[in-house]
Amino acid sequence: MQVRISSNRPLMAFKGIGEAKAISIAAALELGRRRRGEEALERQKIKLIWDFFGLDALKIAAHYEIHLKEYIQLEKLDCEITGFEALNDHQAIAFMVVNEEAMIPVRDALKPRRGEVFME
C-alpha cells in the first residue's frame, strides 16, 4: 500500500480552510484516488486460452467450450464471454474471459495454456 504524504499548505492558503479542514480534504481526495484505482482493476478482464492441435482441433475446442460453460455455472462466475476459433487447419483455441480478481482461482483450477488482457 502506498500512502502519499504531502503538505496541506496549498489548501490552507484559501480563506476559511485551516489545518483540520485541509487534512479532511486531503483524506477525501486520497480515498477517491484509491477507489478509482480499485474500479480500474475490477474492469480489467483477462482472456484465458486453451490450445488444441491436430486434425480434430476445432471439434475438441468446441467441446471444451461446453465444459467451460459448465464450470462457469458450477462456480457461479460472473463470466459471459466464452468461445472457440480455428487458428489454422491444425490448431484451434477455446477461451473464456474473466475479471482479473477471478483469474487466479480459474487459472489454478483449469490450467489454461496462456492468458492475455481482453480488449472489448
N, C-alpha and C. Protein backbone atom coordinates (compact mmCIF):
# COMPACT_ATOMS: atom_id res chain seq x y z
N MET A 1 0.85 -1.17 0.00
CA MET A 1 0.00 0.00 0.00
C MET A 1 0.89 1.23 0.00
N GLN A 2 0.57 2.16 -0.85
CA GLN A 2 1.33 3.39 -0.97
C GLN A 2 0.50 4.54 -0.44
N VAL A 3 1.07 5.31 0.47
CA VAL A 3 0.38 6.47 1.03
C VAL A 3 1.18 7.71 0.65
N ARG A 4 0.51 8.65 0.10
CA ARG A 4 1.17 9.91 -0.26
C ARG A 4 1.08 10.87 0.92
N ILE A 5 2.20 11.43 1.25
CA ILE A 5 2.22 12.44 2.31
C ILE A 5 2.69 13.73 1.66
N SER A 6 1.84 14.69 1.67
CA SER A 6 2.20 15.98 1.09
C SER A 6 1.75 17.08 2.03
N SER A 7 2.23 18.24 1.77
CA SER A 7 1.90 19.38 2.59
C SER A 7 0.47 19.84 2.31
N ASN A 8 -0.22 20.25 3.37
CA ASN A 8 -1.57 20.79 3.23
C ASN A 8 -1.55 22.31 3.10
N ARG A 9 -0.38 22.89 3.03
CA ARG A 9 -0.26 24.34 2.96
C ARG A 9 -0.98 24.97 1.76
N PRO A 10 -0.93 24.35 0.56
CA PRO A 10 -1.66 24.99 -0.56
C PRO A 10 -3.15 25.11 -0.27
N LEU A 11 -3.75 24.10 0.36
CA LEU A 11 -5.17 24.19 0.70
C LEU A 11 -5.42 25.25 1.77
N MET A 12 -4.49 25.38 2.68
CA MET A 12 -4.65 26.33 3.78
C MET A 12 -4.53 27.77 3.33
N ALA A 13 -4.10 27.97 2.08
CA ALA A 13 -3.99 29.33 1.55
C ALA A 13 -5.37 29.94 1.30
N PHE A 14 -6.41 29.10 1.18
CA PHE A 14 -7.76 29.60 0.98
C PHE A 14 -8.35 30.06 2.30
N LYS A 15 -9.08 31.16 2.26
CA LYS A 15 -9.71 31.71 3.45
C LYS A 15 -10.72 30.70 4.00
N GLY A 16 -10.67 30.46 5.28
CA GLY A 16 -11.60 29.57 5.95
C GLY A 16 -11.15 28.12 6.01
N ILE A 17 -10.01 27.80 5.42
CA ILE A 17 -9.51 26.43 5.48
C ILE A 17 -8.29 26.40 6.39
N GLY A 18 -8.50 25.80 7.55
CA GLY A 18 -7.40 25.65 8.49
C GLY A 18 -6.76 24.28 8.31
N GLU A 19 -5.90 23.94 9.25
CA GLU A 19 -5.17 22.68 9.14
C GLU A 19 -6.12 21.47 9.19
N ALA A 20 -7.09 21.48 10.09
CA ALA A 20 -8.01 20.34 10.22
C ALA A 20 -8.83 20.14 8.94
N LYS A 21 -9.35 21.23 8.38
CA LYS A 21 -10.15 21.14 7.15
C LYS A 21 -9.27 20.69 5.99
N ALA A 22 -8.04 21.18 5.92
CA ALA A 22 -7.12 20.79 4.85
C ALA A 22 -6.82 19.29 4.93
N ILE A 23 -6.66 18.77 6.13
CA ILE A 23 -6.40 17.34 6.31
C ILE A 23 -7.62 16.53 5.87
N SER A 24 -8.81 17.00 6.21
CA SER A 24 -10.04 16.31 5.80
C SER A 24 -10.18 16.28 4.28
N ILE A 25 -9.89 17.40 3.63
CA ILE A 25 -9.98 17.47 2.17
C ILE A 25 -8.95 16.54 1.53
N ALA A 26 -7.74 16.57 2.05
CA ALA A 26 -6.68 15.71 1.51
C ALA A 26 -7.05 14.24 1.68
N ALA A 27 -7.63 13.88 2.82
CA ALA A 27 -8.04 12.49 3.06
C ALA A 27 -9.15 12.07 2.09
N ALA A 28 -10.10 12.96 1.85
CA ALA A 28 -11.19 12.65 0.91
C ALA A 28 -10.64 12.46 -0.51
N LEU A 29 -9.71 13.31 -0.90
CA LEU A 29 -9.10 13.17 -2.23
C LEU A 29 -8.34 11.86 -2.35
N GLU A 30 -7.63 11.47 -1.30
CA GLU A 30 -6.89 10.21 -1.30
C GLU A 30 -7.83 9.01 -1.40
N LEU A 31 -8.94 9.04 -0.67
CA LEU A 31 -9.92 7.96 -0.75
C LEU A 31 -10.50 7.85 -2.16
N GLY A 32 -10.79 8.99 -2.77
CA GLY A 32 -11.29 8.98 -4.15
C GLY A 32 -10.28 8.41 -5.12
N ARG A 33 -9.02 8.76 -4.95
CA ARG A 33 -7.96 8.25 -5.81
C ARG A 33 -7.85 6.73 -5.67
N ARG A 34 -7.90 6.23 -4.45
CA ARG A 34 -7.81 4.79 -4.23
C ARG A 34 -9.01 4.06 -4.81
N ARG A 35 -10.19 4.61 -4.64
CA ARG A 35 -11.41 3.98 -5.17
C ARG A 35 -11.36 3.91 -6.70
N ARG A 36 -10.88 4.96 -7.31
CA ARG A 36 -10.75 4.97 -8.76
C ARG A 36 -9.80 3.87 -9.22
N GLY A 37 -8.73 3.64 -8.46
CA GLY A 37 -7.78 2.58 -8.78
C GLY A 37 -8.41 1.20 -8.64
N GLU A 38 -9.25 0.98 -7.62
CA GLU A 38 -9.93 -0.29 -7.44
C GLU A 38 -10.90 -0.56 -8.58
N GLU A 39 -11.61 0.45 -9.04
CA GLU A 39 -12.56 0.29 -10.13
C GLU A 39 -11.83 -0.10 -11.41
N ALA A 40 -10.64 0.46 -11.63
CA ALA A 40 -9.88 0.12 -12.82
C ALA A 40 -9.49 -1.35 -12.80
N LEU A 41 -9.11 -1.87 -11.62
CA LEU A 41 -8.77 -3.29 -11.52
C LEU A 41 -9.98 -4.17 -11.77
N GLU A 42 -11.15 -3.76 -11.26
CA GLU A 42 -12.35 -4.55 -11.45
C GLU A 42 -12.75 -4.61 -12.92
N ARG A 43 -12.49 -3.56 -13.64
CA ARG A 43 -12.90 -3.51 -15.04
C ARG A 43 -11.99 -4.31 -15.95
N GLN A 44 -10.74 -4.54 -15.54
CA GLN A 44 -9.82 -5.25 -16.40
C GLN A 44 -10.23 -6.71 -16.52
N LYS A 45 -10.27 -7.21 -17.74
CA LYS A 45 -10.68 -8.59 -17.99
C LYS A 45 -9.53 -9.34 -18.63
N ILE A 46 -9.44 -10.63 -18.31
CA ILE A 46 -8.38 -11.48 -18.81
C ILE A 46 -8.99 -12.59 -19.66
N LYS A 47 -8.44 -12.79 -20.84
CA LYS A 47 -8.87 -13.88 -21.72
C LYS A 47 -7.95 -15.06 -21.48
N LEU A 48 -8.50 -16.14 -20.90
CA LEU A 48 -7.75 -17.37 -20.66
C LEU A 48 -7.92 -18.27 -21.88
N ILE A 49 -6.82 -18.85 -22.35
CA ILE A 49 -6.83 -19.57 -23.63
C ILE A 49 -6.27 -20.98 -23.47
N TRP A 50 -6.99 -21.93 -24.08
CA TRP A 50 -6.55 -23.33 -24.14
C TRP A 50 -6.31 -23.66 -25.60
N ASP A 51 -5.14 -24.24 -25.92
CA ASP A 51 -4.78 -24.60 -27.29
C ASP A 51 -5.06 -26.07 -27.56
N PHE A 52 -5.49 -26.36 -28.79
CA PHE A 52 -5.71 -27.73 -29.23
C PHE A 52 -5.08 -27.89 -30.61
N PHE A 53 -4.43 -29.04 -30.82
CA PHE A 53 -3.70 -29.28 -32.06
C PHE A 53 -4.17 -30.58 -32.70
N GLY A 54 -4.07 -30.65 -34.02
CA GLY A 54 -4.40 -31.87 -34.74
C GLY A 54 -5.56 -31.66 -35.69
N LEU A 55 -5.90 -32.73 -36.40
CA LEU A 55 -6.98 -32.64 -37.40
C LEU A 55 -8.34 -32.33 -36.77
N ASP A 56 -8.56 -32.77 -35.52
CA ASP A 56 -9.83 -32.55 -34.84
C ASP A 56 -9.78 -31.39 -33.84
N ALA A 57 -8.80 -30.53 -33.98
CA ALA A 57 -8.60 -29.45 -33.00
C ALA A 57 -9.84 -28.58 -32.83
N LEU A 58 -10.50 -28.23 -33.92
CA LEU A 58 -11.66 -27.35 -33.82
C LEU A 58 -12.82 -28.05 -33.09
N LYS A 59 -13.04 -29.33 -33.38
CA LYS A 59 -14.10 -30.09 -32.70
C LYS A 59 -13.80 -30.19 -31.20
N ILE A 60 -12.54 -30.42 -30.87
CA ILE A 60 -12.15 -30.54 -29.46
C ILE A 60 -12.33 -29.21 -28.74
N ALA A 61 -11.93 -28.11 -29.40
CA ALA A 61 -12.09 -26.78 -28.80
C ALA A 61 -13.56 -26.46 -28.58
N ALA A 62 -14.41 -26.82 -29.54
CA ALA A 62 -15.85 -26.58 -29.40
C ALA A 62 -16.41 -27.38 -28.23
N HIS A 63 -15.95 -28.61 -28.09
CA HIS A 63 -16.40 -29.44 -26.97
C HIS A 63 -15.88 -28.88 -25.64
N TYR A 64 -14.66 -28.40 -25.63
CA TYR A 64 -14.08 -27.84 -24.40
C TYR A 64 -14.85 -26.60 -23.95
N GLU A 65 -15.36 -25.83 -24.91
CA GLU A 65 -16.15 -24.65 -24.54
C GLU A 65 -17.39 -25.07 -23.74
N ILE A 66 -17.98 -26.20 -24.07
CA ILE A 66 -19.13 -26.70 -23.30
C ILE A 66 -18.72 -26.89 -21.84
N HIS A 67 -17.55 -27.47 -21.62
CA HIS A 67 -17.08 -27.68 -20.25
C HIS A 67 -16.77 -26.35 -19.55
N LEU A 68 -16.27 -25.39 -20.30
CA LEU A 68 -16.03 -24.07 -19.70
C LEU A 68 -17.34 -23.45 -19.22
N LYS A 69 -18.38 -23.55 -20.02
CA LYS A 69 -19.69 -23.01 -19.62
C LYS A 69 -20.24 -23.75 -18.40
N GLU A 70 -20.04 -25.06 -18.34
CA GLU A 70 -20.47 -25.84 -17.17
C GLU A 70 -19.72 -25.38 -15.92
N TYR A 71 -18.42 -25.13 -16.06
CA TYR A 71 -17.61 -24.66 -14.93
C TYR A 71 -18.11 -23.30 -14.45
N ILE A 72 -18.42 -22.42 -15.39
CA ILE A 72 -18.92 -21.08 -15.04
C ILE A 72 -20.20 -21.20 -14.22
N GLN A 73 -21.12 -22.05 -14.65
CA GLN A 73 -22.37 -22.25 -13.91
C GLN A 73 -22.10 -22.86 -12.54
N LEU A 74 -21.27 -23.88 -12.50
CA LEU A 74 -20.98 -24.59 -11.26
C LEU A 74 -20.36 -23.66 -10.22
N GLU A 75 -19.43 -22.84 -10.65
CA GLU A 75 -18.72 -21.93 -9.74
C GLU A 75 -19.42 -20.58 -9.59
N LYS A 76 -20.53 -20.38 -10.30
CA LYS A 76 -21.30 -19.13 -10.25
C LYS A 76 -20.40 -17.91 -10.54
N LEU A 77 -19.62 -18.02 -11.61
CA LEU A 77 -18.73 -16.94 -12.01
C LEU A 77 -19.49 -15.88 -12.78
N ASP A 78 -19.05 -14.65 -12.63
CA ASP A 78 -19.59 -13.54 -13.41
C ASP A 78 -18.80 -13.48 -14.71
N CYS A 79 -19.14 -14.37 -15.62
CA CYS A 79 -18.40 -14.51 -16.86
C CYS A 79 -19.39 -14.78 -17.98
N GLU A 80 -19.40 -13.95 -18.98
CA GLU A 80 -20.38 -14.09 -20.06
C GLU A 80 -19.73 -14.42 -21.39
N ILE A 81 -18.42 -14.31 -21.49
CA ILE A 81 -17.77 -14.49 -22.79
C ILE A 81 -16.96 -15.78 -22.80
N THR A 82 -17.35 -16.70 -23.66
CA THR A 82 -16.58 -17.91 -23.94
C THR A 82 -16.60 -18.09 -25.44
N GLY A 83 -15.76 -18.96 -25.94
CA GLY A 83 -15.79 -19.20 -27.38
C GLY A 83 -14.70 -20.16 -27.80
N PHE A 84 -14.67 -20.40 -29.09
CA PHE A 84 -13.62 -21.21 -29.70
C PHE A 84 -13.41 -20.70 -31.11
N GLU A 85 -12.21 -20.93 -31.65
CA GLU A 85 -11.93 -20.50 -33.01
C GLU A 85 -10.75 -21.28 -33.56
N ALA A 86 -10.75 -21.44 -34.86
CA ALA A 86 -9.65 -22.10 -35.55
C ALA A 86 -8.57 -21.07 -35.85
N LEU A 87 -7.33 -21.41 -35.54
CA LEU A 87 -6.22 -20.52 -35.87
C LEU A 87 -5.62 -20.91 -37.22
N ASN A 88 -5.66 -22.20 -37.52
CA ASN A 88 -5.27 -22.72 -38.85
C ASN A 88 -5.88 -24.12 -38.97
N ASP A 89 -5.49 -24.87 -39.99
CA ASP A 89 -6.10 -26.19 -40.22
C ASP A 89 -5.84 -27.18 -39.09
N HIS A 90 -4.78 -26.98 -38.33
CA HIS A 90 -4.39 -27.95 -37.30
C HIS A 90 -4.29 -27.37 -35.90
N GLN A 91 -4.79 -26.17 -35.71
CA GLN A 91 -4.75 -25.56 -34.38
C GLN A 91 -6.02 -24.76 -34.13
N ALA A 92 -6.57 -24.93 -32.94
CA ALA A 92 -7.76 -24.18 -32.54
C ALA A 92 -7.61 -23.82 -31.06
N ILE A 93 -8.40 -22.85 -30.64
CA ILE A 93 -8.38 -22.46 -29.23
C ILE A 93 -9.81 -22.45 -28.69
N ALA A 94 -9.90 -22.66 -27.40
CA ALA A 94 -11.12 -22.39 -26.63
C ALA A 94 -10.71 -21.31 -25.64
N PHE A 95 -11.65 -20.43 -25.29
CA PHE A 95 -11.28 -19.35 -24.37
C PHE A 95 -12.46 -18.95 -23.52
N MET A 96 -12.14 -18.30 -22.41
CA MET A 96 -13.14 -17.65 -21.57
C MET A 96 -12.54 -16.36 -21.06
N VAL A 97 -13.39 -15.36 -20.85
CA VAL A 97 -12.95 -14.06 -20.36
C VAL A 97 -13.46 -13.89 -18.94
N VAL A 98 -12.53 -13.60 -18.01
CA VAL A 98 -12.88 -13.46 -16.60
C VAL A 98 -12.39 -12.12 -16.09
N ASN A 99 -13.00 -11.64 -15.00
CA ASN A 99 -12.49 -10.45 -14.32
C ASN A 99 -11.16 -10.78 -13.69
N GLU A 100 -10.33 -9.79 -13.55
CA GLU A 100 -8.98 -10.02 -13.05
C GLU A 100 -8.97 -10.71 -11.68
N GLU A 101 -9.92 -10.35 -10.79
CA GLU A 101 -9.92 -10.96 -9.47
C GLU A 101 -10.29 -12.44 -9.50
N ALA A 102 -10.97 -12.89 -10.54
CA ALA A 102 -11.34 -14.31 -10.66
C ALA A 102 -10.29 -15.11 -11.42
N MET A 103 -9.32 -14.43 -12.01
CA MET A 103 -8.37 -15.09 -12.89
C MET A 103 -7.54 -16.16 -12.17
N ILE A 104 -7.01 -15.88 -11.01
CA ILE A 104 -6.11 -16.82 -10.34
C ILE A 104 -6.83 -18.11 -9.93
N PRO A 105 -8.01 -18.06 -9.29
CA PRO A 105 -8.69 -19.32 -8.98
C PRO A 105 -9.05 -20.13 -10.22
N VAL A 106 -9.49 -19.46 -11.29
CA VAL A 106 -9.83 -20.17 -12.52
C VAL A 106 -8.56 -20.76 -13.14
N ARG A 107 -7.50 -19.99 -13.16
CA ARG A 107 -6.23 -20.48 -13.72
C ARG A 107 -5.75 -21.72 -12.97
N ASP A 108 -5.82 -21.66 -11.65
CA ASP A 108 -5.34 -22.80 -10.85
C ASP A 108 -6.21 -24.03 -11.04
N ALA A 109 -7.51 -23.85 -11.25
CA ALA A 109 -8.42 -24.99 -11.40
C ALA A 109 -8.37 -25.59 -12.80
N LEU A 110 -8.29 -24.74 -13.83
CA LEU A 110 -8.46 -25.23 -15.20
C LEU A 110 -7.18 -25.26 -16.03
N LYS A 111 -6.11 -24.68 -15.54
CA LYS A 111 -4.79 -24.73 -16.18
C LYS A 111 -4.78 -24.31 -17.66
N PRO A 112 -5.17 -23.07 -17.97
CA PRO A 112 -5.08 -22.63 -19.37
C PRO A 112 -3.62 -22.55 -19.80
N ARG A 113 -3.40 -22.61 -21.10
CA ARG A 113 -2.03 -22.55 -21.62
C ARG A 113 -1.47 -21.13 -21.53
N ARG A 114 -2.36 -20.15 -21.73
CA ARG A 114 -1.89 -18.76 -21.67
C ARG A 114 -3.08 -17.83 -21.40
N GLY A 115 -2.77 -16.56 -21.20
CA GLY A 115 -3.79 -15.56 -20.98
C GLY A 115 -3.33 -14.24 -21.55
N GLU A 116 -4.30 -13.37 -21.81
CA GLU A 116 -3.97 -12.04 -22.31
C GLU A 116 -5.04 -11.07 -21.85
N VAL A 117 -4.68 -9.80 -21.79
CA VAL A 117 -5.65 -8.77 -21.42
C VAL A 117 -6.69 -8.70 -22.53
N PHE A 118 -7.95 -8.73 -22.14
CA PHE A 118 -9.05 -8.73 -23.11
C PHE A 118 -9.47 -7.30 -23.39
N MET A 119 -9.48 -6.94 -24.65
CA MET A 119 -9.95 -5.63 -25.08
C MET A 119 -11.27 -5.80 -25.80
N GLU A 120 -12.31 -5.13 -25.29
CA GLU A 120 -13.64 -5.28 -25.91
C GLU A 120 -13.76 -4.51 -27.19
